[in-house]
């Protein structure tokens, strides 16, 4: 081991969650042209659908309502985009959250409670 080996940049360990079901995210989140802003949970339409929906900070209502701008992905993919979503995964159907990316906290849209 060289003197400077401890300063070499290491690749982050991948986060492995597995079997958390599918969710719907906007294409802009998937492509990285927007950052996570909203998360809400509805009843899943089938056993593999966990009900989570994720919307980016630049997504307009018109954008969201265009079918080609929404994608079904494994929840693991959303974790790769924003690891903080693991903290809210078990929240119930009806959850409506805003994500504060500066503070890395979710804020309940109904009561203002914060989740990290």
Protein backbone atom coordinates (compact mmCIF):
# COMPACT_ATOMS: atom_id res chain seq x y z
CA UNK A 1 0.00 0.00 0.00
CA UNK A 2 1.46 3.32 -1.09
CA UNK A 3 1.54 6.40 1.06
CA UNK A 4 -1.28 8.05 -0.88
CA UNK A 5 -3.52 5.00 -1.46
CA UNK A 6 -5.83 6.04 1.35
CA UNK A 7 -6.57 9.28 -0.53
CA UNK A 8 -7.58 7.61 -3.78
CA UNK A 9 -11.18 8.15 -4.73
CA UNK A 10 -13.19 4.99 -4.13
CA UNK A 11 -16.33 4.06 -5.99
CA UNK A 12 -19.40 4.13 -3.72
CA UNK A 13 -20.80 0.79 -2.69
CA UNK A 14 -24.03 0.06 -4.59
CA UNK A 15 -27.18 0.15 -2.50
CA UNK A 16 -28.92 -3.20 -2.72
CA UNK A 17 -32.53 -3.30 -1.66
CA UNK A 18 -34.29 -5.78 -3.99
CA UNK A 19 -37.90 -6.84 -4.17
CA UNK A 20 -39.42 -3.46 -3.26
CA UNK A 21 -41.75 -3.52 -6.24
CA UNK A 22 -42.28 -1.21 -9.14
CA UNK A 23 -43.10 2.49 -9.04
CA UNK A 24 -43.85 5.26 -11.52
CA UNK A 25 -41.35 8.05 -12.07
CA UNK A 26 -41.17 10.80 -14.63
CA UNK A 27 -38.84 10.45 -17.57
CA UNK A 28 -37.01 13.61 -16.47
CA UNK A 29 -36.09 11.96 -13.15
CA UNK A 30 -34.90 8.84 -14.94
CA UNK A 31 -32.78 10.85 -17.37
CA UNK A 32 -31.43 13.17 -14.68
CA UNK A 33 -32.83 16.38 -16.15
CA UNK A 34 -34.83 17.04 -12.99
CA UNK A 35 -34.36 16.34 -9.29
CA UNK A 36 -36.85 14.57 -7.03
CA UNK A 37 -39.46 16.99 -5.68
CA UNK A 38 -42.70 15.08 -4.94
CA UNK A 39 -43.51 11.55 -3.76
CA UNK A 40 -46.98 10.19 -3.20
CA UNK A 41 -48.40 6.75 -2.66
CA UNK A 42 -51.60 5.29 -4.06
CA UNK A 43 -53.02 1.77 -4.08
CA UNK A 44 -50.98 -0.43 -6.39
CA UNK A 45 -52.73 -1.75 -9.47
CA UNK A 46 -51.17 -5.21 -9.11
CA UNK A 47 -49.04 -7.12 -6.57
CA UNK A 48 -45.75 -5.89 -8.05
CA UNK A 49 -46.83 -2.21 -7.95
CA UNK A 50 -45.87 -0.64 -4.61
CA UNK A 51 -47.98 2.45 -5.37
CA UNK A 52 -45.21 5.07 -5.18
CA UNK A 53 -45.12 7.90 -7.72
CA UNK A 54 -42.13 10.26 -8.04
CA UNK A 55 -42.16 13.65 -9.76
CA UNK A 56 -39.25 15.96 -10.58
CA UNK A 57 -38.77 19.62 -9.74
CA UNK A 58 -39.14 20.76 -13.36
CA UNK A 59 -42.15 18.57 -14.22
CA UNK A 60 -45.26 20.54 -15.13
CA UNK A 61 -48.81 19.22 -15.01
CA UNK A 62 -48.82 19.07 -18.81
CA UNK A 63 -45.55 17.09 -18.77
CA UNK A 64 -46.85 14.64 -16.16
CA UNK A 65 -50.12 14.12 -18.04
CA UNK A 66 -48.29 13.09 -21.23
CA UNK A 67 -48.15 9.27 -21.06
CA UNK A 68 -44.70 8.98 -22.65
CA UNK A 69 -43.23 11.07 -19.85
CA UNK A 70 -43.96 8.49 -17.14
CA UNK A 71 -42.09 5.25 -16.65
CA UNK A 72 -42.55 2.13 -14.57
CA UNK A 73 -39.24 1.26 -12.92
CA UNK A 74 -38.11 -0.96 -10.09
CA UNK A 75 -38.00 0.97 -6.80
CA UNK A 76 -34.28 0.10 -6.68
CA UNK A 77 -33.77 2.43 -9.65
CA UNK A 78 -35.41 5.28 -7.74
CA UNK A 79 -33.10 4.51 -4.79
CA UNK A 80 -30.15 4.88 -7.16
CA UNK A 81 -31.46 8.28 -8.26
CA UNK A 82 -32.22 9.46 -4.70
CA UNK A 83 -31.18 7.16 -1.82
CA UNK A 84 -33.29 9.16 0.69
CA UNK A 85 -36.44 7.46 -0.62
CA UNK A 86 -35.60 4.38 1.45
CA UNK A 87 -36.55 6.35 4.59
CA UNK A 88 -40.16 6.71 3.43
CA UNK A 89 -40.70 3.41 1.61
CA UNK A 90 -42.96 1.89 4.31
CA UNK A 91 -45.26 4.91 4.61
CA UNK A 92 -48.94 4.12 3.97
CA UNK A 93 -51.14 4.63 0.94
CA UNK A 94 -52.29 8.27 0.92
CA UNK A 95 -48.85 9.64 1.79
CA UNK A 96 -48.07 12.92 -0.01
CA UNK A 97 -44.56 14.29 0.46
CA UNK A 98 -42.40 17.13 -0.82
CA UNK A 99 -38.63 16.52 -0.91
CA UNK A 100 -36.31 19.31 0.22
CA UNK A 101 -33.11 18.41 -1.63
CA UNK A 102 -31.03 21.02 0.22
CA UNK A 103 -31.82 19.54 3.64
CA UNK A 104 -32.39 15.97 2.35
CA UNK A 105 -35.72 15.74 4.14
CA UNK A 106 -39.27 14.78 3.13
CA UNK A 107 -42.06 17.07 4.32
CA UNK A 108 -45.61 15.76 4.70
CA UNK A 109 -47.85 17.97 2.55
CA UNK A 110 -50.78 17.51 4.93
CA UNK A 111 -49.21 18.23 8.34
CA UNK A 112 -45.69 19.56 7.77
CA UNK A 113 -44.02 16.68 9.62
CA UNK A 114 -40.48 15.93 8.45
CA UNK A 115 -39.01 12.52 7.61
CA UNK A 116 -35.31 11.74 7.13
